[in-house]
Amino acid sequence: MNGARQHAGIAVERAYRFVLWVVPTVERFPRSQKFFLGDRIHGLALDVLEGLLEATYTKDRLPILTRVNLLLEKLRVLFRLAKDLRQLDLRRYEHAAEELNEVGRLVGGWLKTHRAA
């Protein structure tokens, strides 16, 4: 259980910091993209954070963590789309990709710990 708590805390903190970065980043999108792409990115990033918080306080974490993994994949695609639409420069896109990958690794570790328990 201690390993699961550690994964939970680190994953929640990384997701929280990611949301803090996402909000001002998406605010830089042009008005038309803020409502088209920005709202989806905001919502999915918050859904990831909420899912991780929910998994922290739930015994049956497997479906929640599986859903969070899918949300992370959706965010990866949307950030790629934002880059390809030139709403994000390469540096910000790379930062988003690194952060999403790190949260994904933490969620994967948490899943592995949960399955082993």
Protein backbone atom coordinates (compact mmCIF):
# COMPACT_ATOMS: atom_id res chain seq x y z
CA MET A 1 0.00 0.00 0.00
CA ASN A 2 2.89 2.39 0.72
CA GLY A 3 4.11 2.10 -2.89
CA ALA A 4 0.62 2.84 -4.16
CA ARG A 5 0.37 5.93 -1.92
CA GLN A 6 3.72 7.14 -3.19
CA HIS A 7 2.64 6.72 -6.85
CA ALA A 8 -0.64 8.45 -6.03
CA GLY A 9 0.94 11.47 -4.41
CA ILE A 10 3.57 11.98 -7.08
CA ALA A 11 1.10 11.47 -9.93
CA VAL A 12 -1.40 13.91 -8.42
CA GLU A 13 1.32 16.52 -7.87
CA ARG A 14 2.65 16.17 -11.43
CA ALA A 15 -0.87 16.39 -12.87
CA TYR A 16 -1.56 19.45 -10.71
CA ARG A 17 1.58 21.22 -11.92
CA PHE A 18 0.67 20.27 -15.49
CA VAL A 19 -2.76 21.90 -15.12
CA LEU A 20 -1.06 25.01 -13.73
CA TRP A 21 1.07 25.11 -16.90
CA VAL A 22 -1.82 24.30 -19.26
CA VAL A 23 -4.07 27.18 -18.22
CA PRO A 24 -1.79 30.09 -19.22
CA THR A 25 -0.47 28.15 -22.20
CA VAL A 26 -3.92 27.66 -23.69
CA GLU A 27 -4.81 31.29 -22.89
CA ARG A 28 -2.24 32.24 -25.54
CA PHE A 29 -4.23 30.46 -28.24
CA PRO A 30 -6.14 32.74 -30.61
CA ARG A 31 -9.76 33.25 -29.58
CA SER A 32 -11.11 30.81 -32.17
CA GLN A 33 -8.76 28.04 -31.01
CA LYS A 34 -9.34 28.75 -27.32
CA PHE A 35 -12.93 27.64 -27.68
CA PHE A 36 -12.29 24.85 -30.19
CA LEU A 37 -9.14 23.21 -28.89
CA GLY A 38 -8.35 25.05 -25.68
CA ASP A 39 -11.54 24.12 -23.87
CA ARG A 40 -11.01 20.43 -24.67
CA ILE A 41 -7.42 20.55 -23.43
CA HIS A 42 -8.45 22.36 -20.24
CA GLY A 43 -11.24 19.88 -19.60
CA LEU A 44 -9.17 16.77 -20.23
CA ALA A 45 -6.29 18.03 -18.09
CA LEU A 46 -8.71 18.67 -15.23
CA ASP A 47 -10.32 15.26 -15.80
CA VAL A 48 -6.88 13.62 -15.42
CA LEU A 49 -6.27 15.46 -12.16
CA GLU A 50 -9.74 14.63 -10.85
CA GLY A 51 -9.36 10.99 -11.87
CA LEU A 52 -6.08 10.69 -10.01
CA LEU A 53 -7.63 12.27 -6.92
CA GLU A 54 -10.57 9.89 -7.18
CA ALA A 55 -8.24 6.90 -7.50
CA THR A 56 -6.36 8.06 -4.42
CA TYR A 57 -9.49 7.70 -2.30
CA THR A 58 -11.07 4.65 -3.93
CA LYS A 59 -10.34 1.00 -3.35
CA ASP A 60 -11.28 -0.14 -6.87
CA ARG A 61 -8.68 1.95 -8.71
CA LEU A 62 -8.25 -0.16 -11.82
CA PRO A 63 -11.13 1.28 -13.91
CA ILE A 64 -10.29 4.82 -12.84
CA LEU A 65 -6.60 4.50 -13.67
CA THR A 66 -7.46 2.86 -16.97
CA ARG A 67 -9.72 5.83 -17.79
CA VAL A 68 -6.94 8.25 -16.79
CA ASN A 69 -4.59 6.48 -19.22
CA LEU A 70 -7.11 7.04 -22.02
CA LEU A 71 -7.47 10.71 -21.06
CA LEU A 72 -3.68 11.10 -21.20
CA GLU A 73 -3.67 9.65 -24.70
CA LYS A 74 -6.40 12.05 -25.77
CA LEU A 75 -4.34 14.95 -24.41
CA ARG A 76 -1.29 13.76 -26.32
CA VAL A 77 -3.27 13.83 -29.56
CA LEU A 78 -4.78 17.25 -28.85
CA PHE A 79 -1.39 18.75 -28.06
CA ARG A 80 -0.04 17.30 -31.28
CA LEU A 81 -2.98 18.84 -33.12
CA ALA A 82 -2.31 22.20 -31.44
CA LYS A 83 1.31 22.00 -32.58
CA ASP A 84 0.36 21.07 -36.13
CA LEU A 85 -2.17 23.94 -36.22
CA ARG A 86 0.68 26.19 -35.04
CA GLN A 87 -1.02 27.12 -31.78
CA LEU A 88 1.93 25.73 -29.83
CA ASP A 89 5.58 26.18 -30.60
CA LEU A 90 7.85 23.14 -30.59
CA ARG A 91 9.28 23.95 -27.14
CA ARG A 92 5.84 24.03 -25.48
CA TYR A 93 4.72 20.93 -27.36
CA GLU A 94 7.81 19.04 -26.19
CA HIS A 95 7.19 20.18 -22.62
CA ALA A 96 3.59 18.98 -22.78
CA ALA A 97 4.67 15.64 -24.26
CA GLU A 98 7.31 15.13 -21.56
CA GLU A 99 4.88 15.96 -18.77
CA LEU A 100 2.16 13.73 -20.16
CA ASN A 101 4.64 10.88 -20.57
CA GLU A 102 5.82 11.31 -16.98
CA VAL A 103 2.28 11.29 -15.60
CA GLY A 104 1.62 8.24 -17.79
CA ARG A 105 4.66 6.45 -16.35
CA LEU A 106 3.49 7.23 -12.82
CA VAL A 107 -0.02 5.98 -13.57
CA GLY A 108 1.48 2.84 -15.13
CA GLY A 109 3.55 2.25 -12.00
CA TRP A 110 0.52 2.80 -9.84
CA LEU A 111 -1.46 0.32 -11.94
CA LYS A 112 1.34 -2.23 -11.65
CA THR A 113 1.47 -1.79 -7.87
CA HIS A 114 -2.32 -2.06 -7.65
CA ARG A 115 -2.39 -5.25 -9.72
CA ALA A 116 0.36 -6.81 -7.58
CA ALA A 117 -1.53 -6.13 -4.36
